C-alpha cells in the first residue's frame, strides 16, 4: 500500500504541460487572499487607532506608534506576496 502511495506521489510530482497552470492559479489565489487579508487588517488597525485616540487623546503618540509598527508588518507581508507573484509571473 505504501508503494502505491509513493507511486501516486511521483506521478503527481511531475505535472504535464496543461497542469502547470493549476499551480499558478493556486499561487495567485494564495497571494490574492493575503493581500485582501492585509487590506482588512489595515482597515481594522485604522479604525481601532482612531477609536483609541478618541478615548485617550493624551496617549495618542503611543497609540500611533504601535499602530504604525503593526501596519508596517502587514505591509511587509503584502510586499512579500507581490514578490512571490513576480517570481511566479502572476502579474
N, C-alpha and C. Protein backbone atom coordinates (compact mmCIF):
# COMPACT_ATOMS: atom_id res chain seq x y z
N UNK A 1 0.82 -1.19 0.00
CA UNK A 1 0.00 0.00 0.00
C UNK A 1 0.86 1.25 0.00
N UNK A 2 1.94 1.24 0.77
CA UNK A 2 2.83 2.39 0.82
C UNK A 2 3.50 2.62 -0.53
N UNK A 3 3.83 1.54 -1.22
CA UNK A 3 4.43 1.69 -2.55
C UNK A 3 3.46 2.30 -3.54
N UNK A 4 2.19 1.97 -3.42
CA UNK A 4 1.18 2.58 -4.29
C UNK A 4 1.07 4.08 -4.04
N UNK A 5 1.12 4.46 -2.77
CA UNK A 5 1.05 5.89 -2.44
C UNK A 5 2.27 6.62 -2.98
N UNK A 6 3.45 6.01 -2.83
CA UNK A 6 4.66 6.64 -3.36
C UNK A 6 4.61 6.76 -4.87
N UNK A 7 4.06 5.77 -5.54
CA UNK A 7 3.93 5.84 -7.00
C UNK A 7 2.99 6.97 -7.40
N UNK A 8 1.90 7.14 -6.67
CA UNK A 8 0.97 8.23 -6.96
C UNK A 8 1.61 9.59 -6.72
N UNK A 9 2.40 9.70 -5.66
CA UNK A 9 3.07 10.97 -5.38
C UNK A 9 4.06 11.30 -6.49
N UNK A 10 4.79 10.31 -6.96
CA UNK A 10 5.76 10.56 -8.03
C UNK A 10 5.07 10.95 -9.32
N UNK A 11 3.92 10.38 -9.58
CA UNK A 11 3.18 10.74 -10.79
C UNK A 11 2.68 12.17 -10.72
N UNK A 12 2.21 12.57 -9.56
CA UNK A 12 1.68 13.93 -9.43
C UNK A 12 2.79 14.95 -9.25
N UNK A 13 3.99 14.52 -8.91
CA UNK A 13 5.08 15.47 -8.73
C UNK A 13 5.56 16.03 -10.06
N UNK A 14 5.34 15.33 -11.15
CA UNK A 14 5.76 15.80 -12.47
C UNK A 14 4.52 16.16 -13.28
N UNK A 15 4.11 17.44 -13.20
CA UNK A 15 2.88 17.81 -13.91
C UNK A 15 3.08 17.82 -15.42
N UNK A 16 2.01 17.54 -16.11
CA UNK A 16 2.04 17.61 -17.57
C UNK A 16 2.00 19.07 -17.99
N UNK A 17 2.05 19.31 -19.27
CA UNK A 17 2.11 20.68 -19.77
C UNK A 17 0.87 21.48 -19.40
N UNK A 18 -0.29 20.88 -19.40
CA UNK A 18 -1.52 21.58 -19.09
C UNK A 18 -1.77 21.77 -17.61
N UNK A 19 -1.10 20.99 -16.77
CA UNK A 19 -1.34 21.05 -15.34
C UNK A 19 -0.51 22.10 -14.64
N UNK A 20 0.47 22.69 -15.29
CA UNK A 20 1.30 23.69 -14.63
C UNK A 20 0.52 24.97 -14.36
N UNK A 21 -0.54 25.21 -15.12
CA UNK A 21 -1.35 26.40 -14.88
C UNK A 21 -2.14 26.30 -13.59
N UNK A 22 -2.40 25.10 -13.13
CA UNK A 22 -3.12 24.93 -11.87
C UNK A 22 -2.26 25.41 -10.71
N UNK A 23 -0.96 25.15 -10.77
CA UNK A 23 -0.07 25.63 -9.73
C UNK A 23 -0.02 27.16 -9.72
N UNK A 24 -0.01 27.76 -10.89
CA UNK A 24 -0.01 29.22 -10.95
C UNK A 24 -1.33 29.79 -10.44
N UNK A 25 -2.42 29.11 -10.71
CA UNK A 25 -3.71 29.55 -10.20
C UNK A 25 -3.74 29.48 -8.68
N UNK A 26 -3.20 28.41 -8.13
CA UNK A 26 -3.13 28.29 -6.68
C UNK A 26 -2.25 29.35 -6.04
N UNK A 27 -1.12 29.65 -6.69
CA UNK A 27 -0.24 30.70 -6.17
C UNK A 27 -0.94 32.05 -6.24
N UNK A 28 -1.64 32.31 -7.32
CA UNK A 28 -2.36 33.58 -7.45
C UNK A 28 -3.46 33.71 -6.42
N UNK A 29 -4.15 32.62 -6.16
CA UNK A 29 -5.21 32.63 -5.16
C UNK A 29 -4.64 32.91 -3.77
N UNK A 30 -3.53 32.26 -3.45
CA UNK A 30 -2.91 32.48 -2.14
C UNK A 30 -2.43 33.92 -1.99
N UNK A 31 -1.84 34.45 -3.04
CA UNK A 31 -1.34 35.82 -2.99
C UNK A 31 -2.50 36.80 -2.89
N UNK A 32 -3.55 36.56 -3.65
CA UNK A 32 -4.72 37.45 -3.58
C UNK A 32 -5.36 37.45 -2.21
N UNK A 33 -5.47 36.29 -1.60
CA UNK A 33 -6.06 36.21 -0.27
C UNK A 33 -5.19 36.91 0.77
N UNK A 34 -3.87 36.82 0.62
CA UNK A 34 -3.01 37.51 1.58
C UNK A 34 -3.12 39.02 1.43
N UNK A 35 -3.28 39.50 0.21
CA UNK A 35 -3.43 40.94 0.00
C UNK A 35 -4.78 41.42 0.53
N UNK A 36 -5.83 40.64 0.31
CA UNK A 36 -7.14 41.00 0.85
C UNK A 36 -7.09 41.01 2.38
N UNK A 37 -6.44 40.02 2.96
CA UNK A 37 -6.31 39.98 4.41
C UNK A 37 -5.54 41.16 4.97
N UNK A 38 -4.49 41.57 4.26
CA UNK A 38 -3.73 42.73 4.71
C UNK A 38 -4.57 44.00 4.62
N UNK A 39 -5.38 44.11 3.58
CA UNK A 39 -6.25 45.28 3.45
C UNK A 39 -7.27 45.35 4.57
N UNK A 40 -7.86 44.22 4.90
CA UNK A 40 -8.83 44.18 6.00
C UNK A 40 -8.13 44.51 7.32
N UNK A 41 -6.93 43.97 7.50
CA UNK A 41 -6.18 44.24 8.72
C UNK A 41 -5.82 45.71 8.87
N UNK A 42 -5.41 46.34 7.77
CA UNK A 42 -5.08 47.76 7.83
C UNK A 42 -6.31 48.60 8.15
N UNK A 43 -7.45 48.22 7.61
CA UNK A 43 -8.68 48.94 7.93
C UNK A 43 -9.04 48.83 9.40
N UNK A 44 -8.88 47.64 9.94
CA UNK A 44 -9.19 47.45 11.37
C UNK A 44 -8.19 48.18 12.25
N UNK A 45 -6.93 48.22 11.83
CA UNK A 45 -5.93 48.97 12.60
C UNK A 45 -6.29 50.45 12.62
N UNK A 46 -6.67 50.99 11.46
CA UNK A 46 -7.04 52.40 11.39
C UNK A 46 -8.26 52.71 12.24
N UNK A 47 -9.25 51.84 12.20
CA UNK A 47 -10.46 52.07 13.00
C UNK A 47 -10.15 51.98 14.49
N UNK A 48 -9.36 50.99 14.86
CA UNK A 48 -9.00 50.85 16.27
C UNK A 48 -8.15 51.99 16.78
N UNK A 49 -7.25 52.47 15.92
CA UNK A 49 -6.41 53.59 16.30
C UNK A 49 -7.24 54.85 16.51
N UNK A 50 -8.14 55.13 15.58
CA UNK A 50 -8.99 56.31 15.71
C UNK A 50 -9.86 56.24 16.96
N UNK A 51 -10.39 55.06 17.24
CA UNK A 51 -11.23 54.90 18.43
C UNK A 51 -10.40 55.07 19.71
N UNK A 52 -9.20 54.51 19.71
CA UNK A 52 -8.35 54.60 20.90
C UNK A 52 -7.90 56.03 21.15
N UNK A 53 -7.56 56.75 20.10
CA UNK A 53 -7.15 58.15 20.27
C UNK A 53 -8.33 59.00 20.72
N UNK A 54 -9.53 58.69 20.25
CA UNK A 54 -10.71 59.43 20.70
C UNK A 54 -10.99 59.18 22.18
N UNK A 55 -10.69 57.98 22.66
CA UNK A 55 -10.93 57.68 24.08
C UNK A 55 -9.85 58.28 24.98
N UNK A 56 -8.59 58.21 24.52
CA UNK A 56 -7.48 58.71 25.33
C UNK A 56 -6.59 59.61 24.48
N UNK A 57 -6.94 60.87 24.33
CA UNK A 57 -6.14 61.76 23.49
C UNK A 57 -4.73 61.99 24.03
N UNK A 58 -4.54 61.85 25.34
CA UNK A 58 -3.21 62.08 25.91
C UNK A 58 -2.21 60.98 25.53
N UNK A 59 -2.69 59.82 25.14
CA UNK A 59 -1.81 58.71 24.75
C UNK A 59 -1.74 58.55 23.23
N UNK A 60 -2.04 59.60 22.50
CA UNK A 60 -2.11 59.48 21.04
C UNK A 60 -0.77 59.15 20.40
N UNK A 61 0.33 59.66 20.96
CA UNK A 61 1.65 59.37 20.38
C UNK A 61 1.99 57.88 20.51
N UNK A 62 1.72 57.31 21.67
CA UNK A 62 1.99 55.88 21.86
C UNK A 62 1.10 55.02 20.98
N UNK A 63 -0.16 55.40 20.89
CA UNK A 63 -1.10 54.61 20.08
C UNK A 63 -0.72 54.66 18.61
N UNK A 64 -0.35 55.85 18.13
CA UNK A 64 0.06 55.97 16.72
C UNK A 64 1.31 55.15 16.43
N UNK A 65 2.25 55.16 17.37
CA UNK A 65 3.49 54.41 17.17
C UNK A 65 3.26 52.91 17.07
N UNK A 66 2.43 52.39 17.96
CA UNK A 66 2.12 50.96 17.94
C UNK A 66 1.37 50.60 16.67
N UNK A 67 0.39 51.44 16.30
CA UNK A 67 -0.38 51.17 15.08
C UNK A 67 0.51 51.21 13.85
N UNK A 68 1.48 52.11 13.84
CA UNK A 68 2.39 52.21 12.69
C UNK A 68 3.25 50.96 12.56
N UNK A 69 3.74 50.44 13.68
CA UNK A 69 4.55 49.23 13.65
C UNK A 69 3.74 48.05 13.12
N UNK A 70 2.51 47.91 13.58
CA UNK A 70 1.66 46.81 13.12
C UNK A 70 1.34 46.97 11.64
N UNK A 71 1.07 48.20 11.20
CA UNK A 71 0.78 48.44 9.79
C UNK A 71 1.98 48.13 8.91
N UNK A 72 3.17 48.45 9.38
CA UNK A 72 4.39 48.15 8.61
C UNK A 72 4.57 46.64 8.48
N UNK A 73 4.30 45.91 9.54
CA UNK A 73 4.40 44.45 9.47
C UNK A 73 3.41 43.87 8.47
N UNK A 74 2.19 44.39 8.45
CA UNK A 74 1.20 43.92 7.48
C UNK A 74 1.61 44.26 6.06
N UNK A 75 2.14 45.45 5.86
CA UNK A 75 2.59 45.83 4.52
C UNK A 75 3.77 44.97 4.08
N UNK A 76 4.61 44.57 5.03
CA UNK A 76 5.71 43.68 4.69
C UNK A 76 5.23 42.35 4.15
N UNK A 77 4.19 41.82 4.75
CA UNK A 77 3.61 40.56 4.26
C UNK A 77 3.05 40.76 2.86
N UNK A 78 2.41 41.90 2.62
CA UNK A 78 1.84 42.18 1.31
C UNK A 78 2.93 42.32 0.26
N UNK A 79 4.01 42.99 0.60
CA UNK A 79 5.11 43.15 -0.35
C UNK A 79 5.76 41.81 -0.66
N UNK A 80 5.91 40.96 0.34
CA UNK A 80 6.46 39.63 0.10
C UNK A 80 5.54 38.84 -0.83
N UNK A 81 4.24 38.99 -0.66
CA UNK A 81 3.29 38.32 -1.56
C UNK A 81 3.44 38.81 -2.99
N UNK A 82 3.63 40.10 -3.16
CA UNK A 82 3.82 40.64 -4.51
C UNK A 82 5.13 40.16 -5.13
N UNK A 83 6.16 40.00 -4.31
CA UNK A 83 7.43 39.46 -4.82
C UNK A 83 7.23 38.03 -5.30
N UNK A 84 6.49 37.24 -4.53
CA UNK A 84 6.19 35.88 -4.97
C UNK A 84 5.38 35.89 -6.26
N UNK A 85 4.48 36.86 -6.38
CA UNK A 85 3.69 36.96 -7.61
C UNK A 85 4.59 37.23 -8.80
N UNK A 86 5.57 38.09 -8.61
CA UNK A 86 6.51 38.36 -9.70
C UNK A 86 7.36 37.13 -10.01
N UNK A 87 7.73 36.40 -8.98
CA UNK A 87 8.52 35.19 -9.21
C UNK A 87 7.73 34.15 -9.97
N UNK A 88 6.44 34.04 -9.68
CA UNK A 88 5.60 33.08 -10.38
C UNK A 88 5.00 33.64 -11.66
N UNK A 89 5.34 34.88 -11.98
CA UNK A 89 4.87 35.56 -13.19
C UNK A 89 3.36 35.65 -13.22
N UNK A 90 2.78 35.98 -12.07
CA UNK A 90 1.34 36.15 -11.97
C UNK A 90 0.95 37.52 -12.52
N UNK A 91 1.77 38.53 -12.23
CA UNK A 91 1.39 39.89 -12.62
C UNK A 91 1.51 40.07 -14.08
